[in-house]
C-alpha cells in the first residue's frame, strides 16, 4: 500500500461539492511520490504543498488569530494538516482541524499520517484502528475529515552506500 484515503463524517461529499476530491487525491499522490524513502520530510512536504497550490501567499494558514500555529496547507475552505513522524499525531491534527471547523474557517479537513506503527502494537491494521478511533472521538471531533495514511518506507540514508 502506498497510501489510503479514508473519509469520515461526509468528508467525501463535502470534497465532491467543493470540486476538491480529485485535487486531494492528486495532491496525496504527489506527496507520496516526493516523500517516499526520504529523510527530511517536513521541508519536502512544504515544497510539495507549495507546488500543488495549498500554500499560496494569498491564503491564511493560521489556525488561531494572533498565534503562530499554522495548517500545512489550505485550499478554499479545505485545510490540510499532518505529521509523518507518528500515527499518534491523529489527535493533535484532528484538534487543530476541529478548531477551524468550529470557528467557521474550515469546512472540511485532510489529515496526513503514517500508516506504519510499532511491530509490538497489539492492534490490527492501521485503517481498522483508525475507523474504531474515529467512532470513539465523536462527538468531540465532529468535522468532516479525510485521513490519508501513507506508507513511505524507511528513510534513505546516503551514508549506507
N, C-alpha and C. Protein backbone atom coordinates (compact mmCIF):
# COMPACT_ATOMS: atom_id res chain seq x y z
N UNK A 1 0.84 -1.18 0.00
CA UNK A 1 0.00 0.00 0.00
C UNK A 1 0.88 1.24 0.00
N UNK A 2 0.66 2.12 -0.90
CA UNK A 2 1.38 3.39 -0.94
C UNK A 2 0.71 4.40 0.00
N UNK A 3 -0.58 4.61 -0.25
CA UNK A 3 -1.36 5.46 0.65
C UNK A 3 -2.83 5.08 0.48
N UNK A 4 -3.61 5.40 1.51
CA UNK A 4 -5.03 5.10 1.51
C UNK A 4 -5.75 6.29 2.12
N UNK A 5 -6.81 6.75 1.44
CA UNK A 5 -7.61 7.86 1.95
C UNK A 5 -8.92 7.30 2.49
N UNK A 6 -9.21 7.64 3.75
CA UNK A 6 -10.44 7.19 4.40
C UNK A 6 -11.22 8.43 4.79
N UNK A 7 -12.48 8.49 4.37
CA UNK A 7 -13.32 9.66 4.61
C UNK A 7 -14.25 9.42 5.80
N UNK A 8 -14.39 10.44 6.64
CA UNK A 8 -15.25 10.37 7.81
C UNK A 8 -16.21 11.56 7.82
N UNK A 9 -17.39 11.33 8.36
CA UNK A 9 -18.39 12.37 8.59
C UNK A 9 -18.73 13.15 7.32
N UNK A 10 -19.00 12.43 6.25
CA UNK A 10 -19.40 13.00 4.95
C UNK A 10 -18.32 13.88 4.30
N UNK A 11 -17.07 13.64 4.64
CA UNK A 11 -15.98 14.42 4.04
C UNK A 11 -15.94 14.25 2.52
N UNK A 12 -16.17 13.03 2.05
CA UNK A 12 -16.13 12.80 0.60
C UNK A 12 -17.20 13.63 -0.10
N UNK A 13 -18.36 13.72 0.50
CA UNK A 13 -19.46 14.51 -0.06
C UNK A 13 -19.08 15.99 -0.10
N UNK A 14 -18.50 16.50 0.97
CA UNK A 14 -18.08 17.90 1.02
C UNK A 14 -17.03 18.17 -0.04
N UNK A 15 -16.04 17.28 -0.15
CA UNK A 15 -14.99 17.46 -1.16
C UNK A 15 -15.57 17.42 -2.58
N UNK A 16 -16.53 16.54 -2.82
CA UNK A 16 -17.18 16.49 -4.13
C UNK A 16 -17.94 17.79 -4.41
N UNK A 17 -18.69 18.28 -3.42
CA UNK A 17 -19.44 19.53 -3.60
C UNK A 17 -18.51 20.70 -3.88
N UNK A 18 -17.35 20.71 -3.25
CA UNK A 18 -16.36 21.78 -3.45
C UNK A 18 -15.49 21.54 -4.68
N UNK A 19 -15.74 20.43 -5.38
CA UNK A 19 -14.94 20.04 -6.54
C UNK A 19 -13.46 19.92 -6.16
N UNK A 20 -13.22 19.33 -4.99
CA UNK A 20 -11.86 19.18 -4.47
C UNK A 20 -11.43 17.72 -4.29
N UNK A 21 -12.33 16.77 -4.52
CA UNK A 21 -12.00 15.37 -4.29
C UNK A 21 -10.83 14.93 -5.16
N UNK A 22 -10.88 15.23 -6.43
CA UNK A 22 -9.80 14.86 -7.34
C UNK A 22 -8.51 15.59 -6.96
N UNK A 23 -8.62 16.85 -6.57
CA UNK A 23 -7.46 17.63 -6.17
C UNK A 23 -6.78 17.01 -4.95
N UNK A 24 -7.56 16.58 -3.97
CA UNK A 24 -7.00 15.95 -2.78
C UNK A 24 -6.30 14.64 -3.16
N UNK A 25 -6.92 13.84 -4.02
CA UNK A 25 -6.30 12.58 -4.46
C UNK A 25 -4.98 12.83 -5.18
N UNK A 26 -4.97 13.79 -6.09
CA UNK A 26 -3.76 14.12 -6.85
C UNK A 26 -2.68 14.66 -5.91
N UNK A 27 -3.08 15.50 -4.97
CA UNK A 27 -2.12 16.05 -4.00
C UNK A 27 -1.49 14.94 -3.17
N UNK A 28 -2.30 13.99 -2.71
CA UNK A 28 -1.76 12.87 -1.92
C UNK A 28 -0.81 12.01 -2.76
N UNK A 29 -1.14 11.80 -4.03
CA UNK A 29 -0.23 11.06 -4.92
C UNK A 29 1.10 11.81 -5.05
N UNK A 30 1.01 13.11 -5.24
CA UNK A 30 2.21 13.94 -5.41
C UNK A 30 3.07 13.92 -4.13
N UNK A 31 2.41 14.03 -3.00
CA UNK A 31 3.12 13.97 -1.71
C UNK A 31 3.83 12.63 -1.58
N UNK A 32 3.13 11.55 -1.89
CA UNK A 32 3.74 10.22 -1.79
C UNK A 32 4.98 10.13 -2.68
N UNK A 33 4.83 10.53 -3.94
CA UNK A 33 5.94 10.44 -4.88
C UNK A 33 7.16 11.23 -4.42
N UNK A 34 6.91 12.36 -3.76
CA UNK A 34 8.02 13.21 -3.32
C UNK A 34 8.63 12.77 -1.99
N UNK A 35 7.86 12.10 -1.14
CA UNK A 35 8.33 11.78 0.20
C UNK A 35 8.81 10.34 0.39
N UNK A 36 8.41 9.43 -0.47
CA UNK A 36 8.75 8.03 -0.25
C UNK A 36 10.27 7.85 -0.15
N UNK A 37 10.70 7.25 0.94
CA UNK A 37 12.11 6.97 1.15
C UNK A 37 12.97 8.14 1.57
N UNK A 38 12.37 9.31 1.77
CA UNK A 38 13.16 10.49 2.12
C UNK A 38 13.38 10.61 3.62
N UNK A 39 14.33 11.44 4.00
CA UNK A 39 14.65 11.64 5.40
C UNK A 39 14.05 12.95 5.94
N UNK A 40 14.25 14.06 5.26
CA UNK A 40 13.82 15.38 5.74
C UNK A 40 12.45 15.72 5.16
N UNK A 41 11.44 15.11 5.71
CA UNK A 41 10.10 15.15 5.12
C UNK A 41 9.38 16.48 5.31
N UNK A 42 9.65 17.19 6.38
CA UNK A 42 8.91 18.43 6.64
C UNK A 42 9.11 19.44 5.52
N UNK A 43 10.36 19.68 5.14
CA UNK A 43 10.65 20.65 4.09
C UNK A 43 10.15 20.18 2.73
N UNK A 44 10.29 18.89 2.47
CA UNK A 44 9.83 18.34 1.19
C UNK A 44 8.30 18.43 1.11
N UNK A 45 7.62 18.16 2.23
CA UNK A 45 6.15 18.28 2.25
C UNK A 45 5.74 19.72 1.97
N UNK A 46 6.41 20.67 2.60
CA UNK A 46 6.09 22.08 2.38
C UNK A 46 6.26 22.44 0.90
N UNK A 47 7.35 21.98 0.29
CA UNK A 47 7.59 22.25 -1.13
C UNK A 47 6.52 21.60 -2.01
N UNK A 48 6.13 20.38 -1.67
CA UNK A 48 5.10 19.68 -2.44
C UNK A 48 3.77 20.41 -2.34
N UNK A 49 3.42 20.87 -1.16
CA UNK A 49 2.15 21.60 -0.99
C UNK A 49 2.20 22.96 -1.68
N UNK A 50 3.39 23.58 -1.69
CA UNK A 50 3.56 24.82 -2.47
C UNK A 50 3.28 24.56 -3.94
N UNK A 51 3.86 23.49 -4.47
CA UNK A 51 3.70 23.15 -5.88
C UNK A 51 2.25 22.85 -6.24
N UNK A 52 1.49 22.33 -5.29
CA UNK A 52 0.09 21.98 -5.54
C UNK A 52 -0.87 23.09 -5.12
N UNK A 53 -0.34 24.28 -4.85
CA UNK A 53 -1.11 25.48 -4.50
C UNK A 53 -1.91 25.38 -3.21
N UNK A 54 -1.39 24.63 -2.24
CA UNK A 54 -2.02 24.57 -0.93
C UNK A 54 -1.41 25.60 0.02
N UNK A 55 -0.38 26.29 -0.42
CA UNK A 55 0.31 27.25 0.45
C UNK A 55 0.57 28.56 -0.28
N UNK A 56 -0.38 29.06 -1.03
CA UNK A 56 -0.15 30.30 -1.77
C UNK A 56 -0.08 31.48 -0.81
N UNK A 57 0.53 32.54 -1.28
CA UNK A 57 0.73 33.72 -0.42
C UNK A 57 -0.59 34.41 -0.07
N UNK A 58 -1.65 34.10 -0.79
CA UNK A 58 -2.95 34.74 -0.56
C UNK A 58 -3.80 33.97 0.45
N UNK A 59 -3.29 32.86 0.95
CA UNK A 59 -4.06 32.00 1.85
C UNK A 59 -3.57 32.17 3.29
N UNK A 60 -4.51 32.32 4.20
CA UNK A 60 -4.17 32.41 5.61
C UNK A 60 -4.12 31.01 6.19
N UNK A 61 -2.93 30.57 6.60
CA UNK A 61 -2.74 29.24 7.16
C UNK A 61 -2.93 29.20 8.67
N UNK A 62 -3.19 30.34 9.28
CA UNK A 62 -3.28 30.40 10.75
C UNK A 62 -4.50 29.65 11.26
N UNK A 63 -4.26 28.91 12.33
CA UNK A 63 -5.34 28.17 12.98
C UNK A 63 -6.09 29.08 13.93
N UNK A 64 -5.36 29.85 14.73
CA UNK A 64 -5.95 30.79 15.68
C UNK A 64 -5.38 32.19 15.41
N UNK A 65 -6.23 33.21 15.38
CA UNK A 65 -5.74 34.57 15.15
C UNK A 65 -4.74 34.98 16.23
N UNK A 66 -3.68 35.64 15.82
CA UNK A 66 -2.69 36.14 16.76
C UNK A 66 -1.71 35.09 17.25
N UNK A 67 -1.81 33.88 16.77
CA UNK A 67 -0.91 32.80 17.17
C UNK A 67 -0.10 32.34 15.97
N UNK A 68 0.99 31.62 16.23
CA UNK A 68 1.85 31.16 15.14
C UNK A 68 1.47 29.79 14.62
N UNK A 69 0.47 29.13 15.19
CA UNK A 69 0.07 27.80 14.76
C UNK A 69 -0.50 27.87 13.34
N UNK A 70 0.02 27.02 12.47
CA UNK A 70 -0.39 27.03 11.06
C UNK A 70 -0.80 25.64 10.60
N UNK A 71 -1.75 25.60 9.67
CA UNK A 71 -2.03 24.37 8.95
C UNK A 71 -0.90 24.14 7.97
N UNK A 72 -0.75 22.92 7.49
CA UNK A 72 0.25 22.64 6.47
C UNK A 72 -0.15 23.28 5.14
N UNK A 73 -1.46 23.34 4.89
CA UNK A 73 -1.95 23.96 3.68
C UNK A 73 -3.44 24.22 3.76
N UNK A 74 -3.91 25.15 2.94
CA UNK A 74 -5.34 25.47 2.85
C UNK A 74 -5.65 25.76 1.40
N UNK A 75 -6.76 25.22 0.94
CA UNK A 75 -7.22 25.49 -0.42
C UNK A 75 -8.74 25.62 -0.34
N UNK A 76 -9.24 26.80 -0.68
CA UNK A 76 -10.66 27.03 -0.50
C UNK A 76 -10.95 26.99 1.00
N UNK A 77 -11.93 26.23 1.38
CA UNK A 77 -12.26 26.06 2.80
C UNK A 77 -11.86 24.67 3.30
N UNK A 78 -10.86 24.09 2.63
CA UNK A 78 -10.33 22.78 3.00
C UNK A 78 -8.94 23.00 3.59
N UNK A 79 -8.74 22.54 4.83
CA UNK A 79 -7.44 22.67 5.49
C UNK A 79 -6.75 21.32 5.52
N UNK A 80 -5.43 21.35 5.35
CA UNK A 80 -4.63 20.13 5.39
C UNK A 80 -3.61 20.25 6.52
N UNK A 81 -3.49 19.19 7.29
CA UNK A 81 -2.53 19.15 8.36
C UNK A 81 -1.98 17.74 8.46
N UNK A 82 -0.93 17.53 9.23
CA UNK A 82 -0.42 16.19 9.38
C UNK A 82 1.01 16.15 9.86
N UNK A 83 1.45 14.93 10.10
CA UNK A 83 2.81 14.66 10.52
C UNK A 83 3.14 13.22 10.12
N UNK A 84 4.35 13.00 9.65
CA UNK A 84 4.75 11.66 9.25
C UNK A 84 5.63 11.00 10.30
N UNK A 85 5.80 11.64 11.45
CA UNK A 85 6.65 11.06 12.48
C UNK A 85 5.93 10.04 13.34
N UNK A 86 4.62 10.20 13.52
CA UNK A 86 3.90 9.31 14.43
C UNK A 86 2.41 9.30 14.11
N UNK A 87 1.82 8.11 14.13
CA UNK A 87 0.38 7.97 13.94
C UNK A 87 -0.39 8.73 15.02
N UNK A 88 0.20 8.84 16.21
CA UNK A 88 -0.46 9.48 17.33
C UNK A 88 -0.70 10.97 17.11
N UNK A 89 -0.13 11.54 16.05
CA UNK A 89 -0.44 12.93 15.68
C UNK A 89 -1.92 13.05 15.31
N UNK A 90 -2.58 11.93 15.13
CA UNK A 90 -4.01 11.92 14.82
C UNK A 90 -4.77 12.88 15.73
N UNK A 91 -4.55 12.79 17.02
CA UNK A 91 -5.31 13.59 17.97
C UNK A 91 -4.98 15.08 17.86
N UNK A 92 -3.72 15.40 17.75
CA UNK A 92 -3.30 16.80 17.60
C UNK A 92 -3.85 17.37 16.30
N UNK A 93 -3.69 16.63 15.22
CA UNK A 93 -4.17 17.11 13.92
C UNK A 93 -5.67 17.30 13.89
N UNK A 94 -6.40 16.35 14.46
CA UNK A 94 -7.86 16.48 14.49
C UNK A 94 -8.29 17.69 15.31
N UNK A 95 -7.63 17.92 16.44
CA UNK A 95 -7.97 19.09 17.26
C UNK A 95 -7.72 20.37 16.48
N UNK A 96 -6.60 20.45 15.80
CA UNK A 96 -6.26 21.65 15.02
C UNK A 96 -7.30 21.89 13.92
N UNK A 97 -7.69 20.83 13.24
CA UNK A 97 -8.71 20.97 12.19
C UNK A 97 -10.08 21.29 12.77
N UNK A 98 -10.41 20.68 13.90
CA UNK A 98 -11.70 20.93 14.56
C UNK A 98 -11.83 22.40 14.97
N UNK A 99 -10.74 23.01 15.43
CA UNK A 99 -10.77 24.42 15.79
C UNK A 99 -11.21 25.29 14.62
N UNK A 100 -10.63 25.04 13.46
CA UNK A 100 -11.01 25.79 12.27
C UNK A 100 -12.46 25.54 11.88
N UNK A 101 -12.89 24.31 12.01
CA UNK A 101 -14.27 23.95 11.68
C UNK A 101 -15.25 24.66 12.61
N UNK A 102 -14.95 24.65 13.90
CA UNK A 102 -15.84 25.29 14.88
C UNK A 102 -15.86 26.80 14.72
N UNK A 103 -14.77 27.39 14.27
CA UNK A 103 -14.71 28.84 14.04
C UNK A 103 -15.29 29.24 12.68
N UNK A 104 -15.59 28.25 11.83
CA UNK A 104 -16.18 28.54 10.53
C UNK A 104 -15.19 28.88 9.44
N UNK A 105 -13.90 28.67 9.68
CA UNK A 105 -12.90 28.97 8.66
C UNK A 105 -12.55 27.74 7.81
N UNK A 106 -12.95 26.56 8.28
CA UNK A 106 -12.68 25.30 7.59
C UNK A 106 -13.99 24.54 7.44
N UNK A 107 -14.26 24.08 6.24
CA UNK A 107 -15.46 23.28 6.01
C UNK A 107 -15.18 21.79 6.07
N UNK A 108 -13.93 21.44 5.80
CA UNK A 108 -13.52 20.03 5.78
C UNK A 108 -12.01 19.99 6.01
N UNK A 109 -11.54 18.89 6.58
CA UNK A 109 -10.11 18.75 6.82
C UNK A 109 -9.54 17.54 6.11
N UNK A 110 -8.24 17.61 5.85
CA UNK A 110 -7.48 16.49 5.32
C UNK A 110 -6.30 16.31 6.26
N UNK A 111 -6.16 15.10 6.79
CA UNK A 111 -5.10 14.83 7.75
C UNK A 111 -4.16 13.78 7.17
N UNK A 112 -2.87 14.08 7.15
CA UNK A 112 -1.84 13.21 6.61
C UNK A 112 -1.11 12.51 7.76
N UNK A 113 -1.09 11.18 7.73
CA UNK A 113 -0.47 10.40 8.80
C UNK A 113 0.29 9.21 8.24
N UNK A 114 1.26 8.70 9.01
CA UNK A 114 1.92 7.47 8.58
C UNK A 114 1.03 6.27 8.89
N UNK A 115 1.11 5.25 8.07
CA UNK A 115 0.30 4.05 8.32
C UNK A 115 1.06 3.03 9.15
N UNK A 116 2.37 3.19 9.25
CA UNK A 116 3.16 2.20 10.00
C UNK A 116 3.17 2.53 11.49
N UNK A 117 3.15 1.47 12.27
CA UNK A 117 3.21 1.59 13.73
C UNK A 117 4.20 0.56 14.24
N UNK A 118 4.43 0.57 15.50
CA UNK A 118 5.36 -0.37 16.11
C UNK A 118 4.93 -1.81 15.84
N UNK A 119 5.89 -2.67 15.61
CA UNK A 119 5.59 -4.08 15.40
C UNK A 119 5.02 -4.71 16.66
N UNK A 120 5.24 -4.09 17.80
CA UNK A 120 4.74 -4.60 19.08
C UNK A 120 3.30 -4.18 19.35
N UNK A 121 2.72 -3.39 18.45
CA UNK A 121 1.35 -2.90 18.65
C UNK A 121 0.37 -4.07 18.68
N UNK A 122 -0.50 -4.10 19.68
CA UNK A 122 -1.47 -5.19 19.78
C UNK A 122 -2.68 -5.01 18.86
N UNK A 123 -2.76 -3.88 18.18
CA UNK A 123 -3.92 -3.60 17.34
C UNK A 123 -3.74 -4.18 15.95
N UNK A 124 -4.83 -4.32 15.23
CA UNK A 124 -4.80 -4.83 13.86
C UNK A 124 -4.18 -3.81 12.93
N UNK A 125 -4.66 -3.79 11.70
CA UNK A 125 -4.08 -2.84 10.75
C UNK A 125 -4.50 -1.41 11.10
N UNK A 126 -3.75 -0.47 10.60
CA UNK A 126 -3.94 0.94 10.96
C UNK A 126 -5.30 1.46 10.52
N UNK A 127 -5.76 1.08 9.34
CA UNK A 127 -7.04 1.58 8.85
C UNK A 127 -8.19 1.15 9.76
N UNK A 128 -8.19 -0.11 10.19
CA UNK A 128 -9.24 -0.59 11.09
C UNK A 128 -9.18 0.12 12.43
N UNK A 129 -7.97 0.30 12.95
CA UNK A 129 -7.81 1.00 14.21
C UNK A 129 -8.30 2.44 14.09
N UNK A 130 -7.99 3.09 12.96
CA UNK A 130 -8.41 4.47 12.73
C UNK A 130 -9.94 4.57 12.72
N UNK A 131 -10.59 3.65 12.05
CA UNK A 131 -12.06 3.68 11.98
C UNK A 131 -12.67 3.55 13.37
N UNK A 132 -12.14 2.65 14.18
CA UNK A 132 -12.63 2.49 15.56
C UNK A 132 -12.39 3.76 16.37
N UNK A 133 -11.20 4.32 16.22
CA UNK A 133 -10.85 5.50 16.99
C UNK A 133 -11.71 6.71 16.61
N UNK A 134 -12.01 6.85 15.33
CA UNK A 134 -12.85 7.97 14.90
C UNK A 134 -14.26 7.85 15.48
N UNK A 135 -14.76 6.64 15.61
CA UNK A 135 -16.07 6.45 16.25
C UNK A 135 -16.01 6.88 17.72
N UNK A 136 -14.93 6.53 18.40
CA UNK A 136 -14.79 6.87 19.81
C UNK A 136 -14.64 8.37 20.03
N UNK A 137 -14.07 9.08 19.07
CA UNK A 137 -13.83 10.51 19.23
C UNK A 137 -15.06 11.38 18.98
N UNK A 138 -16.13 10.79 18.43
CA UNK A 138 -17.36 11.55 18.22
C UNK A 138 -18.12 11.63 19.53
N UNK A 139 -18.69 12.73 19.93
CA UNK A 139 -18.93 13.98 19.20
C UNK A 139 -17.85 15.04 19.38
N UNK A 140 -16.81 14.75 20.15
CA UNK A 140 -15.77 15.75 20.37
C UNK A 140 -15.16 16.20 19.05
N UNK A 141 -14.84 15.26 18.19
CA UNK A 141 -14.35 15.56 16.85
C UNK A 141 -15.50 15.28 15.88
N UNK A 142 -16.07 16.35 15.36
CA UNK A 142 -17.27 16.21 14.54
C UNK A 142 -17.10 16.71 13.11
N UNK A 143 -15.96 17.27 12.78
CA UNK A 143 -15.78 17.84 11.45
C UNK A 143 -15.68 16.75 10.39
N UNK A 144 -16.10 17.06 9.17
CA UNK A 144 -15.83 16.15 8.05
C UNK A 144 -14.33 16.14 7.80
N UNK A 145 -13.74 14.95 7.79
CA UNK A 145 -12.29 14.86 7.62
C UNK A 145 -11.93 13.63 6.79
N UNK A 146 -10.98 13.82 5.91
CA UNK A 146 -10.41 12.72 5.14
C UNK A 146 -9.01 12.49 5.69
N UNK A 147 -8.73 11.25 6.05
CA UNK A 147 -7.43 10.92 6.61
C UNK A 147 -6.68 10.05 5.63
N UNK A 148 -5.50 10.52 5.27
CA UNK A 148 -4.67 9.81 4.31
C UNK A 148 -3.52 9.13 5.06
N UNK A 149 -3.51 7.81 5.00
CA UNK A 149 -2.47 7.01 5.65
C UNK A 149 -1.40 6.68 4.61
N UNK A 150 -0.16 7.06 4.90
CA UNK A 150 0.95 6.87 3.97
C UNK A 150 1.90 5.79 4.47
N UNK A 151 2.33 4.94 3.54
CA UNK A 151 3.42 4.01 3.81
C UNK A 151 4.62 4.53 3.02
N UNK A 152 5.45 5.31 3.67
CA UNK A 152 6.57 5.97 2.99
C UNK A 152 7.86 5.17 3.05
N UNK A 153 7.82 4.01 3.68
CA UNK A 153 9.02 3.18 3.76
C UNK A 153 10.06 3.77 4.68
N UNK A 154 11.17 3.10 4.74
CA UNK A 154 12.28 3.57 5.56
C UNK A 154 12.98 4.72 4.86
N UNK A 155 13.38 5.73 5.62
CA UNK A 155 14.12 6.85 5.01
C UNK A 155 15.42 6.36 4.39
N UNK A 156 15.77 6.91 3.26
CA UNK A 156 17.01 6.60 2.57
C UNK A 156 18.15 7.31 3.27
N UNK A 157 19.18 6.59 3.60
CA UNK A 157 20.36 7.18 4.24
C UNK A 157 21.53 7.04 3.28
N UNK A 158 22.00 8.15 2.68
CA UNK A 158 23.09 8.08 1.71
C UNK A 158 24.40 7.57 2.31
N UNK A 159 24.53 7.63 3.64
CA UNK A 159 25.75 7.13 4.29
C UNK A 159 25.83 5.61 4.26
N UNK A 160 24.72 4.92 3.94
CA UNK A 160 24.71 3.46 3.87
C UNK A 160 25.37 2.94 2.60
N UNK A 161 25.62 3.81 1.63
CA UNK A 161 26.19 3.38 0.35
C UNK A 161 27.64 3.02 0.45
